[in-house]
PDB file of N, CA and C in Angstrom:
ATOM      1  N   UNK A   1     -36.463  46.702 -62.931  1.00  0.00           N
ATOM      2  CA  UNK A   1     -36.376  45.440 -63.633  1.00  0.00           C
ATOM      3  C   UNK A   1     -37.390  45.440 -64.768  1.00  0.00           C
ATOM      4  N   UNK A   2     -36.962  44.920 -65.891  1.00  0.00           N
ATOM      5  CA  UNK A   2     -37.870  44.749 -67.023  1.00  0.00           C
ATOM      6  C   UNK A   2     -38.700  43.487 -66.804  1.00  0.00           C
ATOM      7  N   UNK A   3     -39.945  43.472 -67.267  1.00  0.00           N
ATOM      8  CA  UNK A   3     -40.752  42.254 -67.136  1.00  0.00           C
ATOM      9  C   UNK A   3     -40.092  41.051 -67.809  1.00  0.00           C
ATOM     10  N   UNK A   4     -40.202  39.915 -67.149  1.00  0.00           N
ATOM     11  CA  UNK A   4     -39.645  38.662 -67.644  1.00  0.00           C
ATOM     12  C   UNK A   4     -40.781  37.853 -68.265  1.00  0.00           C
ATOM     13  N   UNK A   5     -40.605  37.415 -69.509  1.00  0.00           N
ATOM     14  CA  UNK A   5     -41.589  36.555 -70.155  1.00  0.00           C
ATOM     15  C   UNK A   5     -41.117  35.116 -70.013  1.00  0.00           C
ATOM     16  N   UNK A   6     -42.083  34.207 -69.818  1.00  0.00           N
ATOM     17  CA  UNK A   6     -41.752  32.811 -69.528  1.00  0.00           C
ATOM     18  C   UNK A   6     -42.624  31.889 -70.375  1.00  0.00           C
ATOM     19  N   UNK A   7     -42.014  30.904 -71.000  1.00  0.00           N
ATOM     20  CA  UNK A   7     -42.757  29.817 -71.641  1.00  0.00           C
ATOM     21  C   UNK A   7     -42.859  28.703 -70.611  1.00  0.00           C
ATOM     22  N   UNK A   8     -44.079  28.254 -70.359  1.00  0.00           N
ATOM     23  CA  UNK A   8     -44.310  27.225 -69.340  1.00  0.00           C
ATOM     24  C   UNK A   8     -45.247  26.163 -69.901  1.00  0.00           C
ATOM     25  N   UNK A   9     -44.693  25.250 -70.656  1.00  0.00           N
ATOM     26  CA  UNK A   9     -45.505  24.183 -71.240  1.00  0.00           C
ATOM     27  C   UNK A   9     -46.519  24.744 -72.214  1.00  0.00           C
ATOM     28  N   UNK A  10     -47.787  24.507 -71.946  1.00  0.00           N
ATOM     29  CA  UNK A  10     -48.850  24.994 -72.817  1.00  0.00           C
ATOM     30  C   UNK A  10     -49.227  26.440 -72.555  1.00  0.00           C
ATOM     31  N   UNK A  11     -48.459  27.119 -71.693  1.00  0.00           N
ATOM     32  CA  UNK A  11     -48.782  28.491 -71.324  1.00  0.00           C
ATOM     33  C   UNK A  11     -47.617  29.430 -71.612  1.00  0.00           C
ATOM     34  N   UNK A  12     -47.969  30.679 -71.820  1.00  0.00           N
ATOM     35  CA  UNK A  12     -47.013  31.757 -72.026  1.00  0.00           C
ATOM     36  C   UNK A  12     -47.319  32.815 -70.978  1.00  0.00           C
ATOM     37  N   UNK A  13     -46.316  33.239 -70.234  1.00  0.00           N
ATOM     38  CA  UNK A  13     -46.499  34.239 -69.184  1.00  0.00           C
ATOM     39  C   UNK A  13     -45.836  35.535 -69.615  1.00  0.00           C
ATOM     40  N   UNK A  14     -46.571  36.622 -69.498  1.00  0.00           N
ATOM     41  CA  UNK A  14     -46.088  37.929 -69.942  1.00  0.00           C
ATOM     42  C   UNK A  14     -46.590  38.987 -68.975  1.00  0.00           C
ATOM     43  N   UNK A  15     -46.059  40.183 -69.107  1.00  0.00           N
ATOM     44  CA  UNK A  15     -46.531  41.304 -68.296  1.00  0.00           C
ATOM     45  C   UNK A  15     -47.967  41.660 -68.684  1.00  0.00           C
ATOM     46  N   UNK A  16     -48.731  42.121 -67.718  1.00  0.00           N
ATOM     47  CA  UNK A  16     -50.070  42.643 -68.010  1.00  0.00           C
ATOM     48  C   UNK A  16     -49.904  43.961 -68.750  1.00  0.00           C
ATOM     49  N   UNK A  17     -50.771  44.212 -69.729  1.00  0.00           N
ATOM     50  CA  UNK A  17     -50.593  45.389 -70.584  1.00  0.00           C
ATOM     51  C   UNK A  17     -51.909  46.016 -70.985  1.00  0.00           C
ATOM     52  N   UNK A  18     -51.778  47.266 -71.364  1.00  0.00           N
ATOM     53  CA  UNK A  18     -52.844  47.993 -72.047  1.00  0.00           C
ATOM     54  C   UNK A  18     -52.128  48.840 -73.099  1.00  0.00           C
ATOM     55  N   UNK A  19     -52.229  48.394 -74.348  1.00  0.00           N
ATOM     56  CA  UNK A  19     -51.598  49.143 -75.436  1.00  0.00           C
ATOM     57  C   UNK A  19     -52.385  48.909 -76.718  1.00  0.00           C
ATOM     58  N   UNK A  20     -51.813  49.277 -77.844  1.00  0.00           N
ATOM     59  CA  UNK A  20     -52.553  49.159 -79.106  1.00  0.00           C
ATOM     60  C   UNK A  20     -52.687  47.711 -79.586  1.00  0.00           C
ATOM     61  N   UNK A  21     -51.966  46.775 -78.976  1.00  0.00           N
ATOM     62  CA  UNK A  21     -52.055  45.360 -79.370  1.00  0.00           C
ATOM     63  C   UNK A  21     -52.831  44.503 -78.375  1.00  0.00           C
ATOM     64  N   UNK A  22     -52.650  44.768 -77.085  1.00  0.00           N
ATOM     65  CA  UNK A  22     -53.261  43.940 -76.037  1.00  0.00           C
ATOM     66  C   UNK A  22     -53.846  44.849 -74.967  1.00  0.00           C
ATOM     67  N   UNK A  23     -55.066  44.531 -74.546  1.00  0.00           N
ATOM     68  CA  UNK A  23     -55.699  45.265 -73.451  1.00  0.00           C
ATOM     69  C   UNK A  23     -56.196  44.243 -72.425  1.00  0.00           C
ATOM     70  N   UNK A  24     -55.491  44.157 -71.312  1.00  0.00           N
ATOM     71  CA  UNK A  24     -55.825  43.198 -70.254  1.00  0.00           C
ATOM     72  C   UNK A  24     -56.810  43.749 -69.228  1.00  0.00           C
ATOM     73  N   UNK A  25     -57.409  44.897 -69.486  1.00  0.00           N
ATOM     74  CA  UNK A  25     -58.295  45.524 -68.506  1.00  0.00           C
ATOM     75  C   UNK A  25     -59.468  44.619 -68.139  1.00  0.00           C
ATOM     76  N   UNK A  26     -60.191  44.112 -69.124  1.00  0.00           N
ATOM     77  CA  UNK A  26     -61.370  43.293 -68.836  1.00  0.00           C
ATOM     78  C   UNK A  26     -60.991  42.015 -68.102  1.00  0.00           C
ATOM     79  N   UNK A  27     -59.940  41.335 -68.545  1.00  0.00           N
ATOM     80  CA  UNK A  27     -59.519  40.093 -67.894  1.00  0.00           C
ATOM     81  C   UNK A  27     -59.062  40.354 -66.466  1.00  0.00           C
ATOM     82  N   UNK A  28     -58.322  41.435 -66.241  1.00  0.00           N
ATOM     83  CA  UNK A  28     -57.870  41.775 -64.896  1.00  0.00           C
ATOM     84  C   UNK A  28     -59.059  42.050 -63.993  1.00  0.00           C
ATOM     85  N   UNK A  29     -60.034  42.772 -64.519  1.00  0.00           N
ATOM     86  CA  UNK A  29     -61.243  43.051 -63.743  1.00  0.00           C
ATOM     87  C   UNK A  29     -61.976  41.781 -63.366  1.00  0.00           C
ATOM     88  N   UNK A  30     -62.126  40.867 -64.321  1.00  0.00           N
ATOM     89  CA  UNK A  30     -62.829  39.614 -64.041  1.00  0.00           C
ATOM     90  C   UNK A  30     -62.058  38.761 -63.029  1.00  0.00           C
ATOM     91  N   UNK A  31     -60.765  38.633 -63.230  1.00  0.00           N
ATOM     92  CA  UNK A  31     -59.939  37.775 -62.373  1.00  0.00           C
ATOM     93  C   UNK A  31     -59.850  38.315 -60.952  1.00  0.00           C
ATOM     94  N   UNK A  32     -59.676  39.624 -60.817  1.00  0.00           N
ATOM     95  CA  UNK A  32     -59.485  40.221 -59.489  1.00  0.00           C
ATOM     96  C   UNK A  32     -60.754  40.825 -58.911  1.00  0.00           C
ATOM     97  N   UNK A  33     -61.850  40.753 -59.648  1.00  0.00           N
ATOM     98  CA  UNK A  33     -63.117  41.290 -59.154  1.00  0.00           C
ATOM     99  C   UNK A  33     -63.118  42.803 -59.037  1.00  0.00           C
ATOM    100  N   UNK A  34     -62.601  43.469 -60.063  1.00  0.00           N
ATOM    101  CA  UNK A  34     -62.462  44.929 -60.042  1.00  0.00           C
ATOM    102  C   UNK A  34     -63.309  45.579 -61.127  1.00  0.00           C
ATOM    103  N   UNK A  35     -63.672  46.826 -60.898  1.00  0.00           N
ATOM    104  CA  UNK A  35     -64.335  47.615 -61.934  1.00  0.00           C
ATOM    105  C   UNK A  35     -63.315  47.873 -63.049  1.00  0.00           C
ATOM    106  N   UNK A  36     -63.768  48.236 -64.251  1.00  0.00           N
ATOM    107  CA  UNK A  36     -62.809  48.544 -65.320  1.00  0.00           C
ATOM    108  C   UNK A  36     -61.816  49.647 -64.932  1.00  0.00           C
ATOM    109  N   UNK A  37     -62.289  50.666 -64.246  1.00  0.00           N
ATOM    110  CA  UNK A  37     -61.396  51.756 -63.841  1.00  0.00           C
ATOM    111  C   UNK A  37     -60.337  51.261 -62.866  1.00  0.00           C
ATOM    112  N   UNK A  38     -60.758  50.468 -61.892  1.00  0.00           N
ATOM    113  CA  UNK A  38     -59.820  49.941 -60.890  1.00  0.00           C
ATOM    114  C   UNK A  38     -58.878  48.910 -61.530  1.00  0.00           C
ATOM    115  N   UNK A  39     -59.387  48.117 -62.481  1.00  0.00           N
ATOM    116  CA  UNK A  39     -58.533  47.152 -63.179  1.00  0.00           C
ATOM    117  C   UNK A  39     -57.432  47.869 -63.956  1.00  0.00           C
ATOM    118  N   UNK A  40     -57.781  48.951 -64.628  1.00  0.00           N
ATOM    119  CA  UNK A  40     -56.786  49.735 -65.360  1.00  0.00           C
ATOM    120  C   UNK A  40     -55.741  50.299 -64.395  1.00  0.00           C
ATOM    121  N   UNK A  41     -56.190  50.808 -63.263  1.00  0.00           N
ATOM    122  CA  UNK A  41     -55.265  51.329 -62.254  1.00  0.00           C
ATOM    123  C   UNK A  41     -54.368  50.213 -61.714  1.00  0.00           C
ATOM    124  N   UNK A  42     -54.934  49.020 -61.551  1.00  0.00           N
ATOM    125  CA  UNK A  42     -54.155  47.891 -61.026  1.00  0.00           C
ATOM    126  C   UNK A  42     -53.082  47.477 -62.039  1.00  0.00           C
ATOM    127  N   UNK A  43     -53.389  47.517 -63.314  1.00  0.00           N
ATOM    128  CA  UNK A  43     -52.376  47.212 -64.331  1.00  0.00           C
ATOM    129  C   UNK A  43     -51.252  48.240 -64.266  1.00  0.00           C
ATOM    130  N   UNK A  44     -51.597  49.508 -64.051  1.00  0.00           N
ATOM    131  CA  UNK A  44     -50.566  50.545 -63.870  1.00  0.00           C
ATOM    132  C   UNK A  44     -49.699  50.225 -62.647  1.00  0.00           C
ATOM    133  N   UNK A  45     -50.324  49.758 -61.569  1.00  0.00           N
ATOM    134  CA  UNK A  45     -49.574  49.373 -60.364  1.00  0.00           C
ATOM    135  C   UNK A  45     -48.644  48.199 -60.665  1.00  0.00           C
ATOM    136  N   UNK A  46     -49.147  47.218 -61.421  1.00  0.00           N
ATOM    137  CA  UNK A  46     -48.302  46.084 -61.803  1.00  0.00           C
ATOM    138  C   UNK A  46     -47.092  46.559 -62.610  1.00  0.00           C
ATOM    139  N   UNK A  47     -47.302  47.501 -63.525  1.00  0.00           N
ATOM    140  CA  UNK A  47     -46.208  48.036 -64.340  1.00  0.00           C
ATOM    141  C   UNK A  47     -45.171  48.726 -63.455  1.00  0.00           C
ATOM    142  N   UNK A  48     -45.638  49.535 -62.504  1.00  0.00           N
ATOM    143  CA  UNK A  48     -44.726  50.194 -61.562  1.00  0.00           C
ATOM    144  C   UNK A  48     -44.003  49.170 -60.691  1.00  0.00           C
ATOM    145  N   UNK A  49     -44.710  48.117 -60.317  1.00  0.00           N
ATOM    146  CA  UNK A  49     -44.098  47.068 -59.500  1.00  0.00           C
ATOM    147  C   UNK A  49     -42.888  46.442 -60.173  1.00  0.00           C
ATOM    148  N   UNK A  50     -42.987  46.226 -61.484  1.00  0.00           N
ATOM    149  CA  UNK A  50     -41.827  45.716 -62.221  1.00  0.00           C
ATOM    150  C   UNK A  50     -40.703  46.750 -62.216  1.00  0.00           C
ATOM    151  N   UNK A  51     -41.035  47.995 -62.531  1.00  0.00           N
ATOM    152  CA  UNK A  51     -40.008  49.045 -62.628  1.00  0.00           C
ATOM    153  C   UNK A  51     -39.289  49.250 -61.295  1.00  0.00           C
ATOM    154  N   UNK A  52     -40.046  49.151 -60.203  1.00  0.00           N
ATOM    155  CA  UNK A  52     -39.476  49.371 -58.872  1.00  0.00           C
ATOM    156  C   UNK A  52     -39.006  48.073 -58.214  1.00  0.00           C
ATOM    157  N   UNK A  53     -39.280  46.947 -58.870  1.00  0.00           N
ATOM    158  CA  UNK A  53     -38.952  45.619 -58.366  1.00  0.00           C
ATOM    159  C   UNK A  53     -39.544  45.375 -56.976  1.00  0.00           C
ATOM    160  N   UNK A  54     -40.809  45.755 -56.837  1.00  0.00           N
ATOM    161  CA  UNK A  54     -41.521  45.542 -55.584  1.00  0.00           C
ATOM    162  C   UNK A  54     -42.630  44.503 -55.711  1.00  0.00           C
ATOM    163  N   UNK A  55     -43.246  44.442 -56.889  1.00  0.00           N
ATOM    164  CA  UNK A  55     -44.313  43.474 -57.140  1.00  0.00           C
ATOM    165  C   UNK A  55     -44.220  43.040 -58.605  1.00  0.00           C
ATOM    166  N   UNK A  56     -43.923  41.764 -58.806  1.00  0.00           N
ATOM    167  CA  UNK A  56     -43.788  41.226 -60.146  1.00  0.00           C
ATOM    168  C   UNK A  56     -45.064  40.470 -60.483  1.00  0.00           C
ATOM    169  N   UNK A  57     -45.536  40.625 -61.707  1.00  0.00           N
ATOM    170  CA  UNK A  57     -46.813  40.008 -62.073  1.00  0.00           C
ATOM    171  C   UNK A  57     -46.756  39.476 -63.492  1.00  0.00           C
ATOM    172  N   UNK A  58     -47.548  38.430 -63.712  1.00  0.00           N
ATOM    173  CA  UNK A  58     -47.591  37.797 -65.020  1.00  0.00           C
ATOM    174  C   UNK A  58     -49.024  37.505 -65.405  1.00  0.00           C
ATOM    175  N   UNK A  59     -49.351  37.769 -66.661  1.00  0.00           N
ATOM    176  CA  UNK A  59     -50.597  37.303 -67.251  1.00  0.00           C
ATOM    177  C   UNK A  59     -50.319  35.896 -67.757  1.00  0.00           C
ATOM    178  N   UNK A  60     -51.129  34.937 -67.338  1.00  0.00           N
ATOM    179  CA  UNK A  60     -50.986  33.555 -67.795  1.00  0.00           C
ATOM    180  C   UNK A  60     -51.890  33.390 -69.012  1.00  0.00           C
ATOM    181  N   UNK A  61     -51.286  33.067 -70.149  1.00  0.00           N
ATOM    182  CA  UNK A  61     -52.020  32.945 -71.414  1.00  0.00           C
ATOM    183  C   UNK A  61     -51.755  31.577 -72.025  1.00  0.00           C
ATOM    184  N   UNK A  62     -52.721  31.081 -72.794  1.00  0.00           N
ATOM    185  CA  UNK A  62     -52.472  29.880 -73.582  1.00  0.00           C
ATOM    186  C   UNK A  62     -51.422  30.219 -74.636  1.00  0.00           C
ATOM    187  N   UNK A  63     -50.615  29.249 -75.026  1.00  0.00           N
ATOM    188  CA  UNK A  63     -49.555  29.503 -76.015  1.00  0.00           C
ATOM    189  C   UNK A  63     -50.090  30.088 -77.313  1.00  0.00           C
ATOM    190  N   UNK A  64     -51.335  29.782 -77.644  1.00  0.00           N
ATOM    191  CA  UNK A  64     -51.885  30.193 -78.936  1.00  0.00           C
ATOM    192  C   UNK A  64     -52.761  31.437 -78.868  1.00  0.00           C
ATOM    193  N   UNK A  65     -52.814  32.106 -77.710  1.00  0.00           N
ATOM    194  CA  UNK A  65     -53.736  33.228 -77.538  1.00  0.00           C
ATOM    195  C   UNK A  65     -53.144  34.224 -76.543  1.00  0.00           C
ATOM    196  N   UNK A  66     -53.383  35.504 -76.751  1.00  0.00           N
ATOM    197  CA  UNK A  66     -52.859  36.523 -75.834  1.00  0.00           C
ATOM    198  C   UNK A  66     -53.810  36.804 -74.665  1.00  0.00           C
ATOM    199  N   UNK A  67     -54.970  36.140 -74.640  1.00  0.00           N
ATOM    200  CA  UNK A  67     -55.954  36.398 -73.597  1.00  0.00           C
ATOM    201  C   UNK A  67     -55.434  35.953 -72.237  1.00  0.00           C
ATOM    202  N   UNK A  68     -55.525  36.836 -71.270  1.00  0.00           N
ATOM    203  CA  UNK A  68     -55.095  36.545 -69.905  1.00  0.00           C
ATOM    204  C   UNK A  68     -56.120  35.630 -69.229  1.00  0.00           C
ATOM    205  N   UNK A  69     -55.671  34.447 -68.803  1.00  0.00           N
ATOM    206  CA  UNK A  69     -56.532  33.462 -68.140  1.00  0.00           C
ATOM    207  C   UNK A  69     -56.405  33.503 -66.628  1.00  0.00           C
ATOM    208  N   UNK A  70     -55.239  33.921 -66.157  1.00  0.00           N
ATOM    209  CA  UNK A  70     -54.954  33.985 -64.725  1.00  0.00           C
ATOM    210  C   UNK A  70     -53.844  35.008 -64.518  1.00  0.00           C
ATOM    211  N   UNK A  71     -53.638  35.379 -63.264  1.00  0.00           N
ATOM    212  CA  UNK A  71     -52.580  36.328 -62.918  1.00  0.00           C
ATOM    213  C   UNK A  71     -51.760  35.727 -61.779  1.00  0.00           C
ATOM    214  N   UNK A  72     -50.455  35.701 -61.976  1.00  0.00           N
ATOM    215  CA  UNK A  72     -49.530  35.289 -60.913  1.00  0.00           C
ATOM    216  C   UNK A  72     -48.804  36.547 -60.449  1.00  0.00           C
ATOM    217  N   UNK A  73     -48.746  36.732 -59.139  1.00  0.00           N
ATOM    218  CA  UNK A  73     -48.122  37.926 -58.566  1.00  0.00           C
ATOM    219  C   UNK A  73     -47.120  37.518 -57.498  1.00  0.00           C
ATOM    220  N   UNK A  74     -45.979  38.175 -57.510  1.00  0.00           N
ATOM    221  CA  UNK A  74     -44.981  37.975 -56.454  1.00  0.00           C
ATOM    222  C   UNK A  74     -44.714  39.315 -55.786  1.00  0.00           C
ATOM    223  N   UNK A  75     -45.062  39.422 -54.502  1.00  0.00           N
ATOM    224  CA  UNK A  75     -44.780  40.604 -53.696  1.00  0.00           C
ATOM    225  C   UNK A  75     -43.388  40.400 -53.100  1.00  0.00           C
ATOM    226  N   UNK A  76     -42.427  41.153 -53.583  1.00  0.00           N
ATOM    227  CA  UNK A  76     -41.032  40.964 -53.200  1.00  0.00           C
ATOM    228  C   UNK A  76     -40.830  41.216 -51.705  1.00  0.00           C
ATOM    229  N   UNK A  77     -41.380  42.294 -51.177  1.00  0.00           N
ATOM    230  CA  UNK A  77     -41.186  42.650 -49.774  1.00  0.00           C
ATOM    231  C   UNK A  77     -41.780  41.636 -48.808  1.00  0.00           C
ATOM    232  N   UNK A  78     -42.924  41.089 -49.160  1.00  0.00           N
ATOM    233  CA  UNK A  78     -43.591  40.110 -48.290  1.00  0.00           C
ATOM    234  C   UNK A  78     -43.211  38.677 -48.641  1.00  0.00           C
ATOM    235  N   UNK A  79     -42.464  38.496 -49.730  1.00  0.00           N
ATOM    236  CA  UNK A  79     -42.097  37.167 -50.218  1.00  0.00           C
ATOM    237  C   UNK A  79     -43.351  36.303 -50.367  1.00  0.00           C
ATOM    238  N   UNK A  80     -44.333  36.859 -51.085  1.00  0.00           N
ATOM    239  CA  UNK A  80     -45.642  36.218 -51.222  1.00  0.00           C
ATOM    240  C   UNK A  80     -45.954  35.996 -52.692  1.00  0.00           C
ATOM    241  N   UNK A  81     -46.122  34.735 -53.072  1.00  0.00           N
ATOM    242  CA  UNK A  81     -46.430  34.352 -54.445  1.00  0.00           C
ATOM    243  C   UNK A  81     -47.879  33.883 -54.498  1.00  0.00           C
ATOM    244  N   UNK A  82     -48.685  34.501 -55.378  1.00  0.00           N
ATOM    245  CA  UNK A  82     -50.106  34.165 -55.436  1.00  0.00           C
ATOM    246  C   UNK A  82     -50.561  33.918 -56.870  1.00  0.00           C
ATOM    247  N   UNK A  83     -51.642  33.160 -56.971  1.00  0.00           N
ATOM    248  CA  UNK A  83     -52.295  32.875 -58.239  1.00  0.00           C
ATOM    249  C   UNK A  83     -53.748  33.283 -58.113  1.00  0.00           C
ATOM    250  N   UNK A  84     -54.251  34.008 -59.101  1.00  0.00           N
ATOM    251  CA  UNK A  84     -55.670  34.371 -59.159  1.00  0.00           C
ATOM    252  C   UNK A  84     -56.186  34.020 -60.544  1.00  0.00           C
ATOM    253  N   UNK A  85     -57.391  33.467 -60.587  1.00  0.00           N
ATOM    254  CA  UNK A  85     -58.018  33.116 -61.863  1.00  0.00           C
ATOM    255  C   UNK A  85     -59.488  33.466 -61.788  1.00  0.00           C
ATOM    256  N   UNK A  86     -60.108  33.618 -62.933  1.00  0.00           N
ATOM    257  CA  UNK A  86     -61.534  33.941 -62.952  1.00  0.00           C
ATOM    258  C   UNK A  86     -62.340  32.756 -62.430  1.00  0.00           C
ATOM    259  N   UNK A  87     -63.563  33.018 -61.972  1.00  0.00           N
ATOM    260  CA  UNK A  87     -64.419  31.933 -61.483  1.00  0.00           C
ATOM    261  C   UNK A  87     -64.722  30.873 -62.549  1.00  0.00           C
ATOM    262  N   UNK A  88     -64.479  31.169 -63.813  1.00  0.00           N
ATOM    263  CA  UNK A  88     -64.708  30.192 -64.881  1.00  0.00           C
ATOM    264  C   UNK A  88     -63.754  29.002 -64.782  1.00  0.00           C
ATOM    265  N   UNK A  89     -62.674  29.154 -64.037  1.00  0.00           N
ATOM    266  CA  UNK A  89     -61.690  28.089 -63.865  1.00  0.00           C
ATOM    267  C   UNK A  89     -61.946  27.415 -62.511  1.00  0.00           C
ATOM    268  N   UNK A  90     -62.588  26.255 -62.553  1.00  0.00           N
ATOM    269  CA  UNK A  90     -63.019  25.571 -61.333  1.00  0.00           C
ATOM    270  C   UNK A  90     -61.848  25.092 -60.474  1.00  0.00           C
ATOM    271  N   UNK A  91     -60.761  24.700 -61.091  1.00  0.00           N
ATOM    272  CA  UNK A  91     -59.601  24.168 -60.368  1.00  0.00           C
ATOM    273  C   UNK A  91     -58.336  24.931 -60.774  1.00  0.00           C
ATOM    274  N   UNK A  92     -58.253  26.230 -60.455  1.00  0.00           N
ATOM    275  CA  UNK A  92     -57.112  27.012 -60.951  1.00  0.00           C
ATOM    276  C   UNK A  92     -55.762  26.530 -60.444  1.00  0.00           C
ATOM    277  N   UNK A  93     -55.689  26.060 -59.196  1.00  0.00           N
ATOM    278  CA  UNK A  93     -54.395  25.599 -58.683  1.00  0.00           C
ATOM    279  C   UNK A  93     -53.876  24.415 -59.491  1.00  0.00           C
ATOM    280  N   UNK A  94     -54.785  23.556 -59.913  1.00  0.00           N
ATOM    281  CA  UNK A  94     -54.400  22.401 -60.724  1.00  0.00           C
ATOM    282  C   UNK A  94     -54.166  22.817 -62.179  1.00  0.00           C
ATOM    283  N   UNK A  95     -55.082  23.600 -62.728  1.00  0.00           N
ATOM    284  CA  UNK A  95     -55.000  24.004 -64.129  1.00  0.00           C
ATOM    285  C   UNK A  95     -53.738  24.809 -64.433  1.00  0.00           C
ATOM    286  N   UNK A  96     -53.346  25.672 -63.498  1.00  0.00           N
ATOM    287  CA  UNK A  96     -52.204  26.561 -63.723  1.00  0.00           C
ATOM    288  C   UNK A  96     -50.991  26.178 -62.875  1.00  0.00           C
ATOM    289  N   UNK A  97     -50.905  24.902 -62.478  1.00  0.00           N
ATOM    290  CA  UNK A  97     -49.785  24.430 -61.655  1.00  0.00           C
ATOM    291  C   UNK A  97     -48.449  24.593 -62.382  1.00  0.00           C
ATOM    292  N   UNK A  98     -48.421  24.310 -63.676  1.00  0.00           N
ATOM    293  CA  UNK A  98     -47.181  24.441 -64.443  1.00  0.00           C
ATOM    294  C   UNK A  98     -46.649  25.864 -64.480  1.00  0.00           C
ATOM    295  N   UNK A  99     -47.487  26.830 -64.866  1.00  0.00           N
ATOM    296  CA  UNK A  99     -47.013  28.217 -64.857  1.00  0.00           C
ATOM    297  C   UNK A  99     -46.615  28.697 -63.459  1.00  0.00           C
ATOM    298  N   UNK A 100     -47.384  28.304 -62.438  1.00  0.00           N
ATOM    299  CA  UNK A 100     -47.063  28.715 -61.073  1.00  0.00           C
ATOM    300  C   UNK A 100     -45.699  28.147 -60.661  1.00  0.00           C
ATOM    301  N   UNK A 101     -45.448  26.878 -60.988  1.00  0.00           N
ATOM    302  CA  UNK A 101     -44.166  26.254 -60.658  1.00  0.00           C
ATOM    303  C   UNK A 101     -43.007  26.949 -61.383  1.00  0.00           C
ATOM    304  N   UNK A 102     -43.232  27.360 -62.637  1.00  0.00           N
ATOM    305  CA  UNK A 102     -42.184  28.061 -63.384  1.00  0.00           C
ATOM    306  C   UNK A 102     -41.824  29.379 -62.712  1.00  0.00           C
ATOM    307  N   UNK A 103     -42.825  30.113 -62.265  1.00  0.00           N
ATOM    308  CA  UNK A 103     -42.557  31.386 -61.591  1.00  0.00           C
ATOM    309  C   UNK A 103     -41.942  31.147 -60.217  1.00  0.00           C
ATOM    310  N   UNK A 104     -42.379  30.103 -59.549  1.00  0.00           N
ATOM    311  CA  UNK A 104     -41.781  29.781 -58.246  1.00  0.00           C
ATOM    312  C   UNK A 104     -40.287  29.482 -58.404  1.00  0.00           C
ATOM    313  N   UNK A 105     -39.912  28.768 -59.466  1.00  0.00           N
ATOM    314  CA  UNK A 105     -38.488  28.511 -59.728  1.00  0.00           C
ATOM    315  C   UNK A 105     -37.740  29.823 -59.975  1.00  0.00           C
ATOM    316  N   UNK A 106     -38.346  30.737 -60.728  1.00  0.00           N
ATOM    317  CA  UNK A 106     -37.735  32.051 -60.960  1.00  0.00           C
ATOM    318  C   UNK A 106     -37.546  32.798 -59.638  1.00  0.00           C
ATOM    319  N   UNK A 107     -38.566  32.790 -58.796  1.00  0.00           N
ATOM    320  CA  UNK A 107     -38.502  33.485 -57.502  1.00  0.00           C
ATOM    321  C   UNK A 107     -37.395  32.887 -56.634  1.00  0.00           C
ATOM    322  N   UNK A 108     -37.330  31.561 -56.572  1.00  0.00           N
ATOM    323  CA  UNK A 108     -36.293  30.910 -55.768  1.00  0.00           C
ATOM    324  C   UNK A 108     -34.913  31.284 -56.292  1.00  0.00           C
ATOM    325  N   UNK A 109     -34.717  31.227 -57.589  1.00  0.00           N
ATOM    326  CA  UNK A 109     -33.408  31.531 -58.168  1.00  0.00           C
ATOM    327  C   UNK A 109     -33.011  32.993 -57.998  1.00  0.00           C
ATOM    328  N   UNK A 110     -34.013  33.882 -58.015  1.00  0.00           N
ATOM    329  CA  UNK A 110     -33.725  35.314 -57.987  1.00  0.00           C
ATOM    330  C   UNK A 110     -33.751  35.912 -56.578  1.00  0.00           C
ATOM    331  N   UNK A 111     -34.679  35.457 -55.734  1.00  0.00           N
ATOM    332  CA  UNK A 111     -34.895  36.099 -54.438  1.00  0.00           C
ATOM    333  C   UNK A 111     -34.670  35.193 -53.234  1.00  0.00           C
ATOM    334  N   UNK A 112     -34.710  33.901 -53.418  1.00  0.00           N
ATOM    335  CA  UNK A 112     -34.577  32.973 -52.285  1.00  0.00           C
ATOM    336  C   UNK A 112     -33.370  32.063 -52.501  1.00  0.00           C
ATOM    337  N   UNK A 113     -32.239  32.634 -52.751  1.00  0.00           N
ATOM    338  CA  UNK A 113     -31.072  31.845 -53.117  1.00  0.00           C
ATOM    339  C   UNK A 113     -30.591  30.915 -52.005  1.00  0.00           C
ATOM    340  N   UNK A 114     -31.048  31.124 -50.786  1.00  0.00           N
ATOM    341  CA  UNK A 114     -30.643  30.270 -49.675  1.00  0.00           C
ATOM    342  C   UNK A 114     -31.382  28.946 -49.663  1.00  0.00           C
ATOM    343  N   UNK A 115     -32.467  28.823 -50.445  1.00  0.00           N
ATOM    344  CA  UNK A 115     -33.275  27.593 -50.428  1.00  0.00           C
ATOM    345  C   UNK A 115     -32.653  26.510 -51.275  1.00  0.00           C
TER     346      UNK A 115
END
């Protein structure tokens, strides 16, 4: 599966990346508490997760900036949807409720059709 990009109100959700335009290594490390090397490896895992349709992930960004503020992950096999944000966001569940709800709707429509 190719990564799905989502507009969610004041947020834009996209695949985590490391390329000549965007490097999410530092943000991934901060959000997930990883070293730069492990953060880079985790982004590679996220990329494989999309290709294999086993783990789907999104960088949550403000509409006006490509900086990753939070990460939403859906583990297809475990049917587990999670949100992670850096400690700078005191109320991440509230702050990123809109993007999380948008991805939850995608998950329900794509993987939980019985609901």
